[in-house]
C-alpha cells in the first residue's frame, strides 16, 4: 500500500512537472519550429510533419510576421513623424534665432532719417552736436559781449565827438559872429570916415 501511494505520488509529480514544462515551452517562432521538429516523425533522412501542425505553424509565422510588419510600420511612421517634428523644430529654431538677432539689432539701434544707427554711434553724434552747439553758443555770446562793449565804447566816443563838435560849432559860430561884427564895424567905420 505504501508502495502504491509512493508510485501514485511519483506519477502525479511527474505529470505536474511535465505539464509545467509544457506551459513553460517557448512560443516563439524558433521554439515552434523546434517543437515541430521534435514531435515529427522521421522517414529515412526526412522529417514528416502533419498538415495540421504545418498549417498551425504557418498561421503562427504569418501572424508573427504581420505583427512585426505592423510594429515596423508603426515605428517607421513614428520615426517619420519625429523626423518631421525635429525638422519643423529646427526650422522654427532658426527662424526664432533670426528674429532674435533682428530684435537685438533693433534694440541696439535707433532709426534716424530712415537709417538704422547703433545707439553708441547715435549717442556719440548727439553729444558731438551738443558740444558743437555749446561751443558755437559760447563763441557767439563772446562775440556779442565783445561787440556790445565795442558798441558802448563807440557810442561814448560818438557822444564825446558830438559834444566836441557841438562845442566847436558854437565856438565857430561865436567867432564867425564876432568876425562879422568886426567886419560890420570896419565897414561902418569906413563908411563914416
N, C-alpha and C. Protein backbone atom coordinates (compact mmCIF):
# COMPACT_ATOMS: atom_id res chain seq x y z
N UNK A 1 0.83 -1.17 0.00
CA UNK A 1 0.00 0.00 0.00
C UNK A 1 0.88 1.24 0.00
N UNK A 2 1.88 1.17 0.77
CA UNK A 2 2.82 2.29 0.78
C UNK A 2 3.47 2.44 -0.58
N UNK A 3 3.78 1.40 -1.19
CA UNK A 3 4.42 1.49 -2.49
C UNK A 3 3.46 2.02 -3.54
N UNK A 4 2.17 1.74 -3.42
CA UNK A 4 1.18 2.27 -4.35
C UNK A 4 1.05 3.79 -4.17
N UNK A 5 1.04 4.19 -2.92
CA UNK A 5 0.92 5.62 -2.65
C UNK A 5 2.15 6.35 -3.18
N UNK A 6 3.28 5.73 -2.97
CA UNK A 6 4.52 6.35 -3.46
C UNK A 6 4.53 6.37 -4.98
N UNK A 7 4.08 5.35 -5.59
CA UNK A 7 4.03 5.30 -7.04
C UNK A 7 3.06 6.35 -7.57
N UNK A 8 1.89 6.43 -6.93
CA UNK A 8 0.89 7.42 -7.32
C UNK A 8 1.44 8.83 -7.15
N UNK A 9 2.08 9.06 -6.04
CA UNK A 9 2.68 10.37 -5.77
C UNK A 9 3.77 10.69 -6.81
N UNK A 10 4.58 9.69 -7.14
CA UNK A 10 5.63 9.87 -8.14
C UNK A 10 5.02 10.21 -9.50
N UNK A 11 3.98 9.55 -9.89
CA UNK A 11 3.32 9.78 -11.17
C UNK A 11 2.71 11.19 -11.21
N UNK A 12 2.06 11.57 -10.10
CA UNK A 12 1.45 12.90 -10.05
C UNK A 12 2.51 14.01 -10.15
N UNK A 13 3.62 13.86 -9.45
CA UNK A 13 4.67 14.88 -9.54
C UNK A 13 5.30 14.90 -10.92
N UNK A 14 5.42 13.74 -11.55
CA UNK A 14 5.99 13.68 -12.91
C UNK A 14 5.07 14.38 -13.89
N UNK A 15 3.78 14.09 -13.78
CA UNK A 15 2.81 14.70 -14.69
C UNK A 15 2.77 16.21 -14.47
N UNK A 16 2.79 16.60 -13.21
CA UNK A 16 2.78 18.03 -12.89
C UNK A 16 4.05 18.69 -13.44
N UNK A 17 5.19 18.01 -13.27
CA UNK A 17 6.47 18.57 -13.74
C UNK A 17 6.45 18.72 -15.26
N UNK A 18 5.97 17.67 -15.97
CA UNK A 18 5.92 17.74 -17.43
C UNK A 18 4.88 18.76 -17.89
N UNK A 19 3.79 18.88 -17.17
CA UNK A 19 2.76 19.85 -17.52
C UNK A 19 3.32 21.27 -17.37
N UNK A 20 4.08 21.46 -16.31
CA UNK A 20 4.70 22.78 -16.13
C UNK A 20 5.74 23.02 -17.21
N UNK A 21 6.42 21.97 -17.61
CA UNK A 21 7.42 22.12 -18.65
C UNK A 21 6.75 22.50 -19.97
N UNK A 22 5.58 21.92 -20.26
CA UNK A 22 4.85 22.27 -21.47
C UNK A 22 4.36 23.71 -21.40
N UNK A 23 3.94 24.14 -20.22
CA UNK A 23 3.46 25.51 -20.06
C UNK A 23 4.61 26.48 -20.28
N UNK A 24 5.80 26.08 -19.82
CA UNK A 24 6.96 26.95 -19.95
C UNK A 24 7.57 26.86 -21.35
N UNK A 25 6.98 26.09 -22.21
CA UNK A 25 7.53 25.88 -23.54
C UNK A 25 7.61 27.20 -24.30
N UNK A 26 8.61 27.31 -25.12
CA UNK A 26 8.88 28.53 -25.89
C UNK A 26 7.84 28.68 -27.00
N UNK A 27 7.12 29.82 -27.00
CA UNK A 27 6.10 30.06 -28.03
C UNK A 27 6.63 30.94 -29.15
N UNK A 28 7.90 31.19 -29.15
CA UNK A 28 8.47 31.98 -30.24
C UNK A 28 8.49 31.12 -31.50
N UNK A 29 8.76 31.77 -32.61
CA UNK A 29 8.78 31.04 -33.89
C UNK A 29 9.85 29.96 -33.87
N UNK A 30 11.00 30.28 -33.32
CA UNK A 30 12.08 29.29 -33.23
C UNK A 30 11.65 28.12 -32.36
N UNK A 31 11.00 28.46 -31.22
CA UNK A 31 10.52 27.39 -30.34
C UNK A 31 9.48 26.52 -31.02
N UNK A 32 8.62 27.12 -31.81
CA UNK A 32 7.60 26.34 -32.52
C UNK A 32 8.24 25.44 -33.57
N UNK A 33 9.26 25.95 -34.29
CA UNK A 33 9.97 25.12 -35.26
C UNK A 33 10.66 23.95 -34.55
N UNK A 34 11.27 24.24 -33.43
CA UNK A 34 11.95 23.17 -32.67
C UNK A 34 10.95 22.11 -32.21
N UNK A 35 9.77 22.54 -31.73
CA UNK A 35 8.74 21.60 -31.26
C UNK A 35 8.25 20.72 -32.40
N UNK A 36 8.02 21.34 -33.56
CA UNK A 36 7.56 20.55 -34.72
C UNK A 36 8.63 19.54 -35.10
N UNK A 37 9.88 19.96 -35.06
CA UNK A 37 10.98 19.05 -35.42
C UNK A 37 11.03 17.88 -34.44
N UNK A 38 10.85 18.19 -33.14
CA UNK A 38 10.90 17.12 -32.12
C UNK A 38 9.71 16.17 -32.23
N UNK A 39 8.54 16.76 -32.51
CA UNK A 39 7.32 15.93 -32.50
C UNK A 39 7.05 15.26 -33.84
N UNK A 40 7.77 15.61 -34.88
CA UNK A 40 7.52 14.99 -36.19
C UNK A 40 8.21 13.63 -36.26
N UNK A 41 7.71 12.84 -37.16
CA UNK A 41 8.29 11.51 -37.33
C UNK A 41 9.36 11.54 -38.40
N UNK A 42 10.20 10.54 -38.41
CA UNK A 42 11.30 10.50 -39.35
C UNK A 42 11.06 9.40 -40.36
N UNK A 43 11.31 9.73 -41.61
CA UNK A 43 11.24 8.75 -42.69
C UNK A 43 12.54 8.86 -43.44
N UNK A 44 13.34 7.85 -43.37
CA UNK A 44 14.70 7.81 -43.87
C UNK A 44 15.44 9.05 -43.37
N UNK A 45 15.85 9.99 -44.22
CA UNK A 45 16.54 11.20 -43.77
C UNK A 45 15.60 12.38 -43.71
N UNK A 46 14.31 12.15 -43.92
CA UNK A 46 13.33 13.23 -43.97
C UNK A 46 12.49 13.25 -42.71
N UNK A 47 11.99 14.43 -42.39
CA UNK A 47 11.07 14.58 -41.28
C UNK A 47 9.68 14.71 -41.85
N UNK A 48 8.75 14.01 -41.27
CA UNK A 48 7.37 14.05 -41.73
C UNK A 48 6.59 14.88 -40.73
N UNK A 49 5.95 15.96 -41.25
CA UNK A 49 5.21 16.88 -40.38
C UNK A 49 3.74 16.75 -40.77
N UNK A 50 2.89 16.68 -39.79
CA UNK A 50 1.46 16.58 -40.10
C UNK A 50 0.98 17.90 -40.69
N UNK A 51 -0.05 17.82 -41.51
CA UNK A 51 -0.57 19.02 -42.17
C UNK A 51 -1.14 20.01 -41.15
N UNK A 52 -1.78 19.49 -40.13
CA UNK A 52 -2.36 20.37 -39.10
C UNK A 52 -1.27 21.19 -38.42
N UNK A 53 -0.21 20.49 -38.04
CA UNK A 53 0.89 21.21 -37.38
C UNK A 53 1.55 22.21 -38.32
N UNK A 54 1.69 21.80 -39.58
CA UNK A 54 2.26 22.70 -40.58
C UNK A 54 1.39 23.95 -40.76
N UNK A 55 0.06 23.74 -40.88
CA UNK A 55 -0.86 24.87 -41.06
C UNK A 55 -0.85 25.78 -39.82
N UNK A 56 -0.82 25.13 -38.65
CA UNK A 56 -0.79 25.92 -37.41
C UNK A 56 0.50 26.74 -37.35
N UNK A 57 1.64 26.11 -37.68
CA UNK A 57 2.93 26.82 -37.68
C UNK A 57 2.93 27.94 -38.72
N UNK A 58 2.37 27.66 -39.89
CA UNK A 58 2.30 28.67 -40.95
C UNK A 58 1.47 29.87 -40.49
N UNK A 59 0.31 29.58 -39.87
CA UNK A 59 -0.56 30.67 -39.38
C UNK A 59 0.17 31.48 -38.30
N UNK A 60 0.86 30.77 -37.40
CA UNK A 60 1.60 31.47 -36.35
C UNK A 60 2.72 32.34 -36.93
N UNK A 61 3.44 31.79 -37.92
CA UNK A 61 4.54 32.54 -38.54
C UNK A 61 3.99 33.76 -39.27
N UNK A 62 2.92 33.55 -40.04
CA UNK A 62 2.34 34.68 -40.78
C UNK A 62 1.79 35.73 -39.82
N UNK A 63 1.17 35.26 -38.73
CA UNK A 63 0.65 36.20 -37.73
C UNK A 63 1.80 36.99 -37.10
N UNK A 64 2.88 36.28 -36.78
CA UNK A 64 4.05 36.96 -36.21
C UNK A 64 4.65 37.94 -37.19
N UNK A 65 4.70 37.54 -38.47
CA UNK A 65 5.22 38.44 -39.50
C UNK A 65 4.34 39.68 -39.64
N UNK A 66 2.99 39.47 -39.63
CA UNK A 66 2.09 40.61 -39.71
C UNK A 66 2.28 41.55 -38.52
N UNK A 67 2.40 40.97 -37.34
CA UNK A 67 2.64 41.79 -36.14
C UNK A 67 3.96 42.55 -36.26
N UNK A 68 4.98 41.86 -36.73
CA UNK A 68 6.29 42.51 -36.90
C UNK A 68 6.22 43.61 -37.94
N UNK A 69 5.54 43.33 -39.07
CA UNK A 69 5.39 44.36 -40.10
C UNK A 69 4.60 45.55 -39.59
N UNK A 70 3.54 45.24 -38.82
CA UNK A 70 2.73 46.32 -38.25
C UNK A 70 3.57 47.15 -37.28
N UNK A 71 4.33 46.46 -36.44
CA UNK A 71 5.20 47.17 -35.48
C UNK A 71 6.24 47.99 -36.23
N UNK A 72 6.85 47.39 -37.26
CA UNK A 72 7.84 48.11 -38.05
C UNK A 72 7.21 49.32 -38.72
N UNK A 73 6.00 49.13 -39.28
CA UNK A 73 5.30 50.23 -39.94
C UNK A 73 4.97 51.34 -38.93
N UNK A 74 4.48 50.95 -37.74
CA UNK A 74 4.18 51.95 -36.71
C UNK A 74 5.43 52.70 -36.30
N UNK A 75 6.51 51.95 -36.09
CA UNK A 75 7.76 52.59 -35.68
C UNK A 75 8.33 53.46 -36.79
N UNK A 76 8.17 53.00 -38.05
CA UNK A 76 8.62 53.79 -39.19
C UNK A 76 7.81 55.09 -39.28
N UNK A 77 6.48 54.99 -39.11
CA UNK A 77 5.64 56.19 -39.11
C UNK A 77 6.00 57.12 -37.96
N UNK A 78 6.22 56.52 -36.80
CA UNK A 78 6.62 57.32 -35.64
C UNK A 78 7.96 57.99 -35.90
N UNK A 79 8.89 57.25 -36.50
CA UNK A 79 10.20 57.82 -36.83
C UNK A 79 10.06 58.96 -37.83
N UNK A 80 9.21 58.76 -38.86
CA UNK A 80 8.99 59.83 -39.85
C UNK A 80 8.38 61.06 -39.19
N UNK A 81 7.37 60.82 -38.34
CA UNK A 81 6.73 61.97 -37.68
C UNK A 81 7.72 62.68 -36.75
N UNK A 82 8.56 61.90 -36.07
CA UNK A 82 9.58 62.51 -35.20
C UNK A 82 10.60 63.29 -36.03
N UNK A 83 10.99 62.75 -37.17
CA UNK A 83 11.93 63.47 -38.05
C UNK A 83 11.30 64.77 -38.56
N UNK A 84 10.03 64.67 -38.98
CA UNK A 84 9.32 65.88 -39.43
C UNK A 84 9.22 66.89 -38.31
N UNK A 85 8.91 66.37 -37.13
CA UNK A 85 8.81 67.27 -35.96
C UNK A 85 10.16 67.91 -35.66
N UNK A 86 11.22 67.14 -35.75
CA UNK A 86 12.57 67.68 -35.50
C UNK A 86 12.92 68.71 -36.56
N UNK A 87 12.61 68.40 -37.84
CA UNK A 87 12.88 69.37 -38.91
C UNK A 87 12.10 70.66 -38.69
N UNK A 88 10.82 70.51 -38.33
CA UNK A 88 9.98 71.69 -38.07
C UNK A 88 10.54 72.48 -36.89
N UNK A 89 10.94 71.78 -35.83
CA UNK A 89 11.51 72.46 -34.67
C UNK A 89 12.82 73.16 -35.03
N UNK A 90 13.65 72.50 -35.85
CA UNK A 90 14.90 73.14 -36.28
C UNK A 90 14.63 74.38 -37.12
N UNK A 91 13.62 74.27 -38.02
CA UNK A 91 13.24 75.44 -38.83
C UNK A 91 12.73 76.57 -37.95
N UNK A 92 11.87 76.19 -36.99
CA UNK A 92 11.36 77.20 -36.05
C UNK A 92 12.49 77.80 -35.23
N UNK A 93 13.45 76.96 -34.83
CA UNK A 93 14.59 77.45 -34.06
C UNK A 93 15.41 78.44 -34.87
N UNK A 94 15.67 78.12 -36.14
CA UNK A 94 16.42 79.04 -37.00
C UNK A 94 15.66 80.35 -37.18
N UNK A 95 14.35 80.22 -37.41
CA UNK A 95 13.53 81.42 -37.58
C UNK A 95 13.53 82.26 -36.31
N UNK A 96 13.42 81.60 -35.17
CA UNK A 96 13.44 82.31 -33.89
C UNK A 96 14.80 82.97 -33.66
N UNK A 97 15.88 82.28 -34.04
CA UNK A 97 17.22 82.88 -33.90
C UNK A 97 17.34 84.13 -34.77
N UNK A 98 16.83 84.05 -36.00
CA UNK A 98 16.88 85.22 -36.90
C UNK A 98 16.06 86.37 -36.32
N UNK A 99 14.86 86.04 -35.81
CA UNK A 99 14.02 87.07 -35.21
C UNK A 99 14.68 87.68 -33.98
N UNK A 100 15.36 86.83 -33.20
CA UNK A 100 16.07 87.33 -32.02
C UNK A 100 17.20 88.26 -32.43
N UNK A 101 17.95 87.87 -33.47
CA UNK A 101 19.04 88.73 -33.94
C UNK A 101 18.50 90.06 -34.44
N UNK A 102 17.38 90.01 -35.18
CA UNK A 102 16.76 91.25 -35.66
C UNK A 102 16.26 92.10 -34.50
N UNK A 103 15.65 91.45 -33.51
CA UNK A 103 15.14 92.19 -32.35
C UNK A 103 16.29 92.82 -31.57
N UNK A 104 17.39 92.07 -31.41
CA UNK A 104 18.56 92.62 -30.71
C UNK A 104 19.18 93.77 -31.50
N UNK A 105 19.22 93.61 -32.83
CA UNK A 105 19.76 94.69 -33.66
C UNK A 105 18.87 95.93 -33.56
N UNK A 106 17.54 95.71 -33.57
CA UNK A 106 16.62 96.84 -33.43
C UNK A 106 16.75 97.48 -32.06
N UNK A 107 16.92 96.64 -31.04
CA UNK A 107 17.02 97.16 -29.68
C UNK A 107 18.31 97.97 -29.50
N UNK A 108 19.36 97.55 -30.17
CA UNK A 108 20.64 98.22 -30.03
C UNK A 108 20.86 99.32 -31.06
N UNK A 109 19.80 99.64 -31.83
CA UNK A 109 19.94 100.69 -32.82
C UNK A 109 18.71 101.59 -32.80
N UNK A 110 18.87 102.76 -33.42
CA UNK A 110 17.81 103.75 -33.48
C UNK A 110 17.65 104.15 -34.95
N UNK A 111 16.40 104.31 -35.36
CA UNK A 111 16.13 104.73 -36.73
C UNK A 111 16.27 106.25 -36.79
N UNK A 112 17.21 106.71 -37.60
CA UNK A 112 17.48 108.14 -37.74
C UNK A 112 17.46 108.47 -39.23
N UNK A 113 16.47 109.23 -39.64
CA UNK A 113 16.30 109.63 -41.04
C UNK A 113 16.20 108.40 -41.95
N UNK A 114 15.57 107.34 -41.46
CA UNK A 114 15.38 106.13 -42.26
C UNK A 114 16.54 105.17 -42.22
N UNK A 115 17.61 105.50 -41.53
CA UNK A 115 18.77 104.62 -41.41
C UNK A 115 18.84 104.07 -40.01
N UNK A 116 19.25 102.80 -39.90
CA UNK A 116 19.44 102.21 -38.59
C UNK A 116 20.85 102.56 -38.11
N UNK A 117 20.90 103.24 -36.98
CA UNK A 117 22.18 103.68 -36.41
C UNK A 117 22.30 103.05 -35.03
N UNK A 118 23.48 102.52 -34.72
CA UNK A 118 23.65 101.92 -33.40
C UNK A 118 23.53 102.99 -32.33
N UNK A 119 23.13 102.55 -31.15
CA UNK A 119 22.92 103.50 -30.06
C UNK A 119 24.22 104.21 -29.68
N UNK A 120 25.33 103.49 -29.74
CA UNK A 120 26.62 104.10 -29.40
C UNK A 120 26.94 105.22 -30.38
N UNK A 121 26.77 104.93 -31.68
CA UNK A 121 27.03 105.95 -32.70
C UNK A 121 26.06 107.12 -32.54
N UNK A 122 24.80 106.81 -32.29
CA UNK A 122 23.79 107.85 -32.09
C UNK A 122 24.17 108.74 -30.90
N UNK A 123 24.58 108.12 -29.80
CA UNK A 123 24.97 108.91 -28.62
C UNK A 123 26.20 109.77 -28.92
N UNK A 124 27.18 109.19 -29.63
CA UNK A 124 28.37 109.97 -29.97
C UNK A 124 28.01 111.16 -30.85
N UNK A 125 27.19 110.92 -31.87
CA UNK A 125 26.79 112.01 -32.77
C UNK A 125 25.99 113.06 -31.99
N UNK A 126 25.06 112.60 -31.15
CA UNK A 126 24.23 113.52 -30.38
C UNK A 126 25.09 114.39 -29.46
N UNK A 127 26.02 113.78 -28.74
CA UNK A 127 26.88 114.56 -27.83
C UNK A 127 27.82 115.47 -28.61
N UNK A 128 28.29 115.00 -29.77
CA UNK A 128 29.13 115.84 -30.61
C UNK A 128 28.35 117.08 -31.06
N UNK A 129 27.09 116.88 -31.48
CA UNK A 129 26.26 118.01 -31.89
C UNK A 129 26.03 118.95 -30.70
N UNK A 130 25.74 118.40 -29.53
CA UNK A 130 25.52 119.24 -28.34
C UNK A 130 26.77 120.04 -28.00
N UNK A 131 27.94 119.40 -28.06
CA UNK A 131 29.19 120.10 -27.75
C UNK A 131 29.46 121.19 -28.78
N UNK A 132 29.25 120.88 -30.08
CA UNK A 132 29.47 121.88 -31.13
C UNK A 132 28.51 123.06 -30.93
N UNK A 133 27.24 122.76 -30.64
CA UNK A 133 26.28 123.83 -30.42
C UNK A 133 26.63 124.65 -29.18
N UNK A 134 27.11 123.99 -28.11
CA UNK A 134 27.50 124.72 -26.90
C UNK A 134 28.70 125.61 -27.20
N UNK A 135 29.67 125.10 -27.96
CA UNK A 135 30.84 125.91 -28.33
C UNK A 135 30.42 127.09 -29.22
N UNK A 136 29.52 126.82 -30.17
CA UNK A 136 29.04 127.90 -31.04
C UNK A 136 28.31 128.95 -30.22
N UNK A 137 27.49 128.51 -29.26
CA UNK A 137 26.78 129.44 -28.39
C UNK A 137 27.78 130.28 -27.58
N UNK A 138 28.79 129.61 -27.03
CA UNK A 138 29.81 130.34 -26.26
C UNK A 138 30.53 131.34 -27.15
N UNK A 139 30.86 130.93 -28.37
CA UNK A 139 31.55 131.82 -29.30
C UNK A 139 30.68 133.04 -29.61
N UNK A 140 29.38 132.80 -29.93
CA UNK A 140 28.50 133.91 -30.25
C UNK A 140 28.23 134.80 -29.04
N UNK A 141 28.14 134.22 -27.86
CA UNK A 141 27.97 135.03 -26.65
C UNK A 141 29.21 135.90 -26.44
N UNK A 142 30.39 135.31 -26.64
CA UNK A 142 31.64 136.06 -26.50
C UNK A 142 31.68 137.19 -27.54
N UNK A 143 31.34 136.84 -28.81
CA UNK A 143 31.36 137.86 -29.86
C UNK A 143 30.34 138.97 -29.55
N UNK A 144 29.15 138.56 -29.09
CA UNK A 144 28.12 139.53 -28.77
C UNK A 144 28.57 140.46 -27.65
N UNK A 145 29.12 139.87 -26.59
CA UNK A 145 29.56 140.72 -25.46
C UNK A 145 30.70 141.64 -25.91
N UNK A 146 31.61 141.13 -26.75
CA UNK A 146 32.71 141.95 -27.24
C UNK A 146 32.16 143.08 -28.11
N UNK A 147 31.23 142.74 -29.01
CA UNK A 147 30.67 143.78 -29.87
C UNK A 147 29.83 144.75 -29.06
N UNK A 148 29.19 144.26 -28.02
CA UNK A 148 28.42 145.13 -27.15
C UNK A 148 29.35 146.14 -26.46
N UNK A 149 30.48 145.65 -25.98
CA UNK A 149 31.47 146.55 -25.35
C UNK A 149 31.98 147.56 -26.37
N UNK A 150 32.30 147.07 -27.60
CA UNK A 150 32.79 147.96 -28.64
C UNK A 150 31.72 148.99 -29.02
N UNK A 151 30.48 148.53 -29.10
CA UNK A 151 29.38 149.44 -29.43
C UNK A 151 29.23 150.50 -28.34
N UNK A 152 29.32 150.07 -27.11
CA UNK A 152 29.21 151.00 -25.99
C UNK A 152 30.34 152.03 -26.04
N UNK A 153 31.56 151.56 -26.31
CA UNK A 153 32.70 152.47 -26.42
C UNK A 153 32.50 153.42 -27.59
N UNK A 154 31.99 152.87 -28.72
CA UNK A 154 31.76 153.71 -29.91
C UNK A 154 30.71 154.77 -29.62
N UNK A 155 29.66 154.40 -28.88
CA UNK A 155 28.63 155.37 -28.52
C UNK A 155 29.21 156.46 -27.62
N UNK A 156 30.03 156.02 -26.65
CA UNK A 156 30.67 157.00 -25.76
C UNK A 156 31.58 157.94 -26.57
N UNK A 157 32.35 157.35 -27.48
CA UNK A 157 33.23 158.15 -28.33
C UNK A 157 32.42 159.09 -29.21
N UNK A 158 31.30 158.57 -29.74
CA UNK A 158 30.43 159.39 -30.56
C UNK A 158 29.87 160.56 -29.76
N UNK A 159 29.42 160.26 -28.56
CA UNK A 159 28.90 161.33 -27.71
C UNK A 159 29.98 162.37 -27.43
N UNK A 160 31.19 161.89 -27.16
CA UNK A 160 32.30 162.82 -26.90
C UNK A 160 32.58 163.65 -28.15
N UNK A 161 32.62 162.98 -29.29
CA UNK A 161 32.89 163.69 -30.54
C UNK A 161 31.77 164.68 -30.82
N UNK A 162 30.51 164.24 -30.59
CA UNK A 162 29.38 165.14 -30.82
C UNK A 162 29.46 166.35 -29.89
N UNK A 163 29.83 166.12 -28.64
CA UNK A 163 29.99 167.25 -27.69
C UNK A 163 31.10 168.18 -28.18
N UNK A 164 32.20 167.56 -28.57
CA UNK A 164 33.32 168.38 -29.08
C UNK A 164 32.89 169.14 -30.33
N UNK A 165 32.18 168.44 -31.21
CA UNK A 165 31.73 169.08 -32.43
C UNK A 165 30.77 170.23 -32.10
N UNK A 166 29.86 169.96 -31.16
CA UNK A 166 28.90 170.99 -30.76
C UNK A 166 29.64 172.19 -30.16
N UNK A 167 30.61 171.89 -29.31
CA UNK A 167 31.43 172.98 -28.74
C UNK A 167 32.17 173.72 -29.83
N UNK A 168 32.75 172.97 -30.74
CA UNK A 168 33.48 173.57 -31.85
C UNK A 168 32.55 174.41 -32.71
N UNK A 169 31.37 173.91 -32.98
CA UNK A 169 30.39 174.62 -33.79
C UNK A 169 29.99 175.93 -33.09
N UNK A 170 29.73 175.79 -31.79
CA UNK A 170 29.36 177.00 -31.03
C UNK A 170 30.49 178.03 -31.07
N UNK A 171 31.69 177.55 -30.85
CA UNK A 171 32.84 178.47 -30.88
C UNK A 171 33.01 179.06 -32.27
N UNK A 172 32.82 178.20 -33.27
CA UNK A 172 32.95 178.69 -34.65
C UNK A 172 31.88 179.74 -34.94
N UNK A 173 30.70 179.46 -34.48
CA UNK A 173 29.60 180.38 -34.69
C UNK A 173 29.88 181.70 -33.97
N UNK A 174 30.34 181.58 -32.74
CA UNK A 174 30.66 182.79 -31.98
C UNK A 174 31.78 183.56 -32.68
N UNK A 175 32.79 182.89 -33.11
CA UNK A 175 33.90 183.54 -33.80
C UNK A 175 33.43 184.16 -35.10
N UNK A 176 32.57 183.44 -35.79
CA UNK A 176 32.05 183.98 -37.04
C UNK A 176 31.22 185.23 -36.78
N UNK A 177 30.40 185.13 -35.73
CA UNK A 177 29.58 186.30 -35.38
C UNK A 177 30.50 187.46 -34.96
N UNK A 178 31.51 187.14 -34.23
CA UNK A 178 32.46 188.16 -33.79
C UNK A 178 33.15 188.77 -35.00
N UNK A 179 33.57 187.91 -35.94
CA UNK A 179 34.22 188.41 -37.14
C UNK A 179 33.26 189.23 -37.99
N UNK A 180 32.03 188.87 -38.05
CA UNK A 180 31.04 189.63 -38.79
C UNK A 180 30.83 191.00 -38.14
N UNK A 181 30.78 190.98 -36.83
CA UNK A 181 30.63 192.27 -36.13
C UNK A 181 31.83 193.17 -36.41
N UNK A 182 32.96 192.50 -36.32
CA UNK A 182 34.17 193.30 -36.58
C UNK A 182 34.16 193.80 -38.02
N UNK A 183 33.76 192.96 -38.92
CA UNK A 183 33.69 193.35 -40.32
C UNK A 183 32.68 194.47 -40.49
N UNK A 184 31.53 194.30 -39.87
CA UNK A 184 30.50 195.32 -39.96
C UNK A 184 31.01 196.63 -39.32
N UNK A 185 31.66 196.48 -38.22
CA UNK A 185 32.23 197.67 -37.56
C UNK A 185 33.23 198.34 -38.51
N UNK A 186 34.03 197.57 -39.17
CA UNK A 186 35.02 198.12 -40.08
C UNK A 186 34.32 198.73 -41.28
N UNK A 187 33.32 198.11 -41.75
CA UNK A 187 32.56 198.66 -42.88
C UNK A 187 31.92 199.95 -42.44
N UNK A 188 31.36 199.93 -41.27
CA UNK A 188 30.71 201.14 -40.75
C UNK A 188 31.77 202.22 -40.56
N UNK A 189 32.88 201.92 -40.08
CA UNK A 189 33.95 202.86 -39.89
C UNK A 189 34.39 203.40 -41.25
N UNK A 190 34.46 202.64 -42.18
CA UNK A 190 34.89 203.02 -43.50
C UNK A 190 33.82 203.89 -44.14
N UNK A 191 32.66 203.70 -43.87
CA UNK A 191 31.58 204.50 -44.42
C UNK A 191 31.54 205.83 -43.72
N UNK A 192 31.76 205.81 -42.50
CA UNK A 192 31.75 207.04 -41.73
C UNK A 192 33.04 207.83 -41.99
N UNK A 193 33.95 207.34 -42.28
CA UNK A 193 35.17 208.10 -42.45
C UNK A 193 35.36 208.59 -43.81
